[in-house]
PDB file of N, CA and C in Angstrom:
ATOM      1  N   MET A   1       0.846  -1.171   0.000  1.00  0.00           N
ATOM      2  CA  MET A   1       0.000   0.000   0.000  1.00  0.00           C
ATOM      3  C   MET A   1       0.893   1.235   0.000  1.00  0.00           C
ATOM      4  N   GLY A   2       0.647   2.142  -0.913  1.00  0.00           N
ATOM      5  CA  GLY A   2       1.471   3.333  -1.052  1.00  0.00           C
ATOM      6  C   GLY A   2       0.914   4.514  -0.283  1.00  0.00           C
ATOM      7  N   MET A   3       1.677   5.588  -0.345  1.00  0.00           N
ATOM      8  CA  MET A   3       1.279   6.842   0.309  1.00  0.00           C
ATOM      9  C   MET A   3       0.768   7.804  -0.739  1.00  0.00           C
ATOM     10  N   THR A   4      -0.120   8.657  -0.302  1.00  0.00           N
ATOM     11  CA  THR A   4      -0.519   9.752  -1.176  1.00  0.00           C
ATOM     12  C   THR A   4       0.594  10.800  -1.153  1.00  0.00           C
ATOM     13  N   ASP A   5       0.554  11.720  -2.077  1.00  0.00           N
ATOM     14  CA  ASP A   5       1.545  12.801  -2.086  1.00  0.00           C
ATOM     15  C   ASP A   5       1.510  13.587  -0.785  1.00  0.00           C
ATOM     16  N   SER A   6       0.331  13.853  -0.281  1.00  0.00           N
ATOM     17  CA  SER A   6       0.193  14.601   0.972  1.00  0.00           C
ATOM     18  C   SER A   6       0.785  13.834   2.147  1.00  0.00           C
ATOM     19  N   GLN A   7       0.562  12.539   2.210  1.00  0.00           N
ATOM     20  CA  GLN A   7       1.119  11.724   3.285  1.00  0.00           C
ATOM     21  C   GLN A   7       2.641  11.686   3.193  1.00  0.00           C
ATOM     22  N   PHE A   8       3.173  11.557   1.993  1.00  0.00           N
ATOM     23  CA  PHE A   8       4.615  11.525   1.808  1.00  0.00           C
ATOM     24  C   PHE A   8       5.238  12.857   2.225  1.00  0.00           C
ATOM     25  N   LYS A   9       4.613  13.960   1.835  1.00  0.00           N
ATOM     26  CA  LYS A   9       5.117  15.284   2.214  1.00  0.00           C
ATOM     27  C   LYS A   9       5.092  15.460   3.729  1.00  0.00           C
ATOM     28  N   ALA A  10       4.063  14.973   4.379  1.00  0.00           N
ATOM     29  CA  ALA A  10       3.975  15.057   5.835  1.00  0.00           C
ATOM     30  C   ALA A  10       5.097  14.241   6.480  1.00  0.00           C
ATOM     31  N   PHE A  11       5.385  13.085   5.925  1.00  0.00           N
ATOM     32  CA  PHE A  11       6.471  12.251   6.426  1.00  0.00           C
ATOM     33  C   PHE A  11       7.822  12.953   6.259  1.00  0.00           C
ATOM     34  N   ILE A  12       8.035  13.568   5.114  1.00  0.00           N
ATOM     35  CA  ILE A  12       9.273  14.298   4.861  1.00  0.00           C
ATOM     36  C   ILE A  12       9.394  15.480   5.823  1.00  0.00           C
ATOM     37  N   ARG A  13       8.293  16.172   6.091  1.00  0.00           N
ATOM     38  CA  ARG A  13       8.318  17.277   7.053  1.00  0.00           C
ATOM     39  C   ARG A  13       8.714  16.782   8.440  1.00  0.00           C
ATOM     40  N   PHE A  14       8.203  15.616   8.833  1.00  0.00           N
ATOM     41  CA  PHE A  14       8.550  15.020  10.119  1.00  0.00           C
ATOM     42  C   PHE A  14      10.054  14.731  10.187  1.00  0.00           C
ATOM     43  N   VAL A  15      10.594  14.120   9.151  1.00  0.00           N
ATOM     44  CA  VAL A  15      12.015  13.791   9.122  1.00  0.00           C
ATOM     45  C   VAL A  15      12.854  15.066   9.136  1.00  0.00           C
ATOM     46  N   LEU A  16      12.481  16.039   8.334  1.00  0.00           N
ATOM     47  CA  LEU A  16      13.217  17.299   8.270  1.00  0.00           C
ATOM     48  C   LEU A  16      13.211  18.006   9.621  1.00  0.00           C
ATOM     49  N   ASP A  17      12.052  18.072  10.262  1.00  0.00           N
ATOM     50  CA  ASP A  17      11.945  18.708  11.572  1.00  0.00           C
ATOM     51  C   ASP A  17      12.827  17.988  12.592  1.00  0.00           C
ATOM     52  N   SER A  18      12.815  16.680  12.565  1.00  0.00           N
ATOM     53  CA  SER A  18      13.633  15.904  13.492  1.00  0.00           C
ATOM     54  C   SER A  18      15.122  16.171  13.274  1.00  0.00           C
ATOM     55  N   LEU A  19      15.546  16.210  12.025  1.00  0.00           N
ATOM     56  CA  LEU A  19      16.952  16.462  11.726  1.00  0.00           C
ATOM     57  C   LEU A  19      17.366  17.889  12.079  1.00  0.00           C
ATOM     58  N   GLN A  20      16.461  18.833  11.912  1.00  0.00           N
ATOM     59  CA  GLN A  20      16.770  20.212  12.294  1.00  0.00           C
ATOM     60  C   GLN A  20      16.945  20.324  13.808  1.00  0.00           C
ATOM     61  N   GLU A  21      16.149  19.579  14.566  1.00  0.00           N
ATOM     62  CA  GLU A  21      16.307  19.563  16.021  1.00  0.00           C
ATOM     63  C   GLU A  21      17.649  18.956  16.413  1.00  0.00           C
ATOM     64  N   VAL A  22      18.062  17.911  15.732  1.00  0.00           N
ATOM     65  CA  VAL A  22      19.368  17.302  15.996  1.00  0.00           C
ATOM     66  C   VAL A  22      20.477  18.316  15.707  1.00  0.00           C
ATOM     67  N   LYS A  23      20.361  19.023  14.621  1.00  0.00           N
ATOM     68  CA  LYS A  23      21.373  19.995  14.215  1.00  0.00           C
ATOM     69  C   LYS A  23      21.540  21.107  15.257  1.00  0.00           C
ATOM     70  N   LYS A  24      20.455  21.495  15.922  1.00  0.00           N
ATOM     71  CA  LYS A  24      20.486  22.562  16.923  1.00  0.00           C
ATOM     72  C   LYS A  24      21.171  22.137  18.219  1.00  0.00           C
ATOM     73  N   GLU A  25      21.205  20.847  18.468  1.00  0.00           N
ATOM     74  CA  GLU A  25      21.749  20.339  19.731  1.00  0.00           C
ATOM     75  C   GLU A  25      23.248  20.622  19.821  1.00  0.00           C
ATOM     76  N   LYS A  26      23.662  21.255  20.907  1.00  0.00           N
ATOM     77  CA  LYS A  26      25.066  21.630  21.097  1.00  0.00           C
ATOM     78  C   LYS A  26      25.884  20.513  21.749  1.00  0.00           C
ATOM     79  N   ASP A  27      25.283  19.801  22.671  1.00  0.00           N
ATOM     80  CA  ASP A  27      25.985  18.737  23.382  1.00  0.00           C
ATOM     81  C   ASP A  27      26.159  17.520  22.475  1.00  0.00           C
ATOM     82  N   PRO A  28      27.408  17.098  22.220  1.00  0.00           N
ATOM     83  CA  PRO A  28      27.632  15.967  21.307  1.00  0.00           C
ATOM     84  C   PRO A  28      26.924  14.678  21.727  1.00  0.00           C
ATOM     85  N   ALA A  29      26.901  14.380  23.018  1.00  0.00           N
ATOM     86  CA  ALA A  29      26.240  13.157  23.475  1.00  0.00           C
ATOM     87  C   ALA A  29      24.733  13.230  23.236  1.00  0.00           C
ATOM     88  N   ALA A  30      24.136  14.383  23.528  1.00  0.00           N
ATOM     89  CA  ALA A  30      22.700  14.554  23.306  1.00  0.00           C
ATOM     90  C   ALA A  30      22.383  14.529  21.806  1.00  0.00           C
ATOM     91  N   ARG A  31      23.265  15.118  21.000  1.00  0.00           N
ATOM     92  CA  ARG A  31      23.079  15.114  19.544  1.00  0.00           C
ATOM     93  C   ARG A  31      23.095  13.673  19.022  1.00  0.00           C
ATOM     94  N   GLU A  32      24.053  12.905  19.510  1.00  0.00           N
ATOM     95  CA  GLU A  32      24.158  11.494  19.112  1.00  0.00           C
ATOM     96  C   GLU A  32      22.896  10.730  19.499  1.00  0.00           C
ATOM     97  N   GLU A  33      22.405  10.967  20.702  1.00  0.00           N
ATOM     98  CA  GLU A  33      21.192  10.295  21.175  1.00  0.00           C
ATOM     99  C   GLU A  33      19.985  10.656  20.311  1.00  0.00           C
ATOM    100  N   ARG A  34      19.835  11.956  20.013  1.00  0.00           N
ATOM    101  CA  ARG A  34      18.709  12.395  19.172  1.00  0.00           C
ATOM    102  C   ARG A  34      18.811  11.809  17.765  1.00  0.00           C
ATOM    103  N   LEU A  35      20.031  11.807  17.211  1.00  0.00           N
ATOM    104  CA  LEU A  35      20.225  11.265  15.868  1.00  0.00           C
ATOM    105  C   LEU A  35      19.900   9.778  15.837  1.00  0.00           C
ATOM    106  N   ASN A  36      20.326   9.050  16.857  1.00  0.00           N
ATOM    107  CA  ASN A  36      20.008   7.620  16.920  1.00  0.00           C
ATOM    108  C   ASN A  36      18.503   7.391  17.006  1.00  0.00           C
ATOM    109  N   LYS A  37      17.801   8.272  17.705  1.00  0.00           N
ATOM    110  CA  LYS A  37      16.346   8.150  17.798  1.00  0.00           C
ATOM    111  C   LYS A  37      15.696   8.353  16.423  1.00  0.00           C
ATOM    112  N   VAL A  38      16.171   9.352  15.676  1.00  0.00           N
ATOM    113  CA  VAL A  38      15.644   9.585  14.325  1.00  0.00           C
ATOM    114  C   VAL A  38      15.905   8.353  13.449  1.00  0.00           C
ATOM    115  N   ILE A  39      17.125   7.830  13.523  1.00  0.00           N
ATOM    116  CA  ILE A  39      17.482   6.648  12.732  1.00  0.00           C
ATOM    117  C   ILE A  39      16.603   5.461  13.113  1.00  0.00           C
ATOM    118  N   ASP A  40      16.407   5.244  14.410  1.00  0.00           N
ATOM    119  CA  ASP A  40      15.551   4.138  14.858  1.00  0.00           C
ATOM    120  C   ASP A  40      14.124   4.295  14.362  1.00  0.00           C
ATOM    121  N   ASN A  41      13.593   5.509  14.425  1.00  0.00           N
ATOM    122  CA  ASN A  41      12.229   5.747  13.936  1.00  0.00           C
ATOM    123  C   ASN A  41      12.116   5.483  12.447  1.00  0.00           C
ATOM    124  N   LEU A  42      13.118   5.894  11.681  1.00  0.00           N
ATOM    125  CA  LEU A  42      13.102   5.631  10.235  1.00  0.00           C
ATOM    126  C   LEU A  42      13.178   4.127   9.963  1.00  0.00           C
ATOM    127  N   GLN A  43      14.009   3.423  10.720  1.00  0.00           N
ATOM    128  CA  GLN A  43      14.115   1.983  10.544  1.00  0.00           C
ATOM    129  C   GLN A  43      12.786   1.292  10.851  1.00  0.00           C
ATOM    130  N   LYS A  44      12.131   1.728  11.920  1.00  0.00           N
ATOM    131  CA  LYS A  44      10.831   1.158  12.278  1.00  0.00           C
ATOM    132  C   LYS A  44       9.788   1.426  11.189  1.00  0.00           C
ATOM    133  N   ALA A  45       9.854   2.609  10.590  1.00  0.00           N
ATOM    134  CA  ALA A  45       8.915   2.946   9.513  1.00  0.00           C
ATOM    135  C   ALA A  45       9.118   2.017   8.316  1.00  0.00           C
ATOM    136  N   LEU A  46      10.368   1.670   8.039  1.00  0.00           N
ATOM    137  CA  LEU A  46      10.646   0.740   6.935  1.00  0.00           C
ATOM    138  C   LEU A  46      10.128  -0.670   7.218  1.00  0.00           C
ATOM    139  N   GLU A  47      10.149  -1.053   8.477  1.00  0.00           N
ATOM    140  CA  GLU A  47       9.755  -2.408   8.860  1.00  0.00           C
ATOM    141  C   GLU A  47       8.251  -2.583   8.966  1.00  0.00           C
ATOM    142  N   ASP A  48       7.504  -1.492   9.055  1.00  0.00           N
ATOM    143  CA  ASP A  48       6.040  -1.583   9.175  1.00  0.00           C
ATOM    144  C   ASP A  48       5.400  -2.038   7.886  1.00  0.00           C
TER     145      ASP A  48
END
């Protein structure tokens, strides 16, 4: 089952927002933790 264009754009906005939050993080350990969370969420989305 595919996504509509609107659903895909919403997903891209979610990923972009998450990555922008990671980029803002100053503490390297916290940045790493946030980035790993984004990666885990993307992996889970692929597995669904």
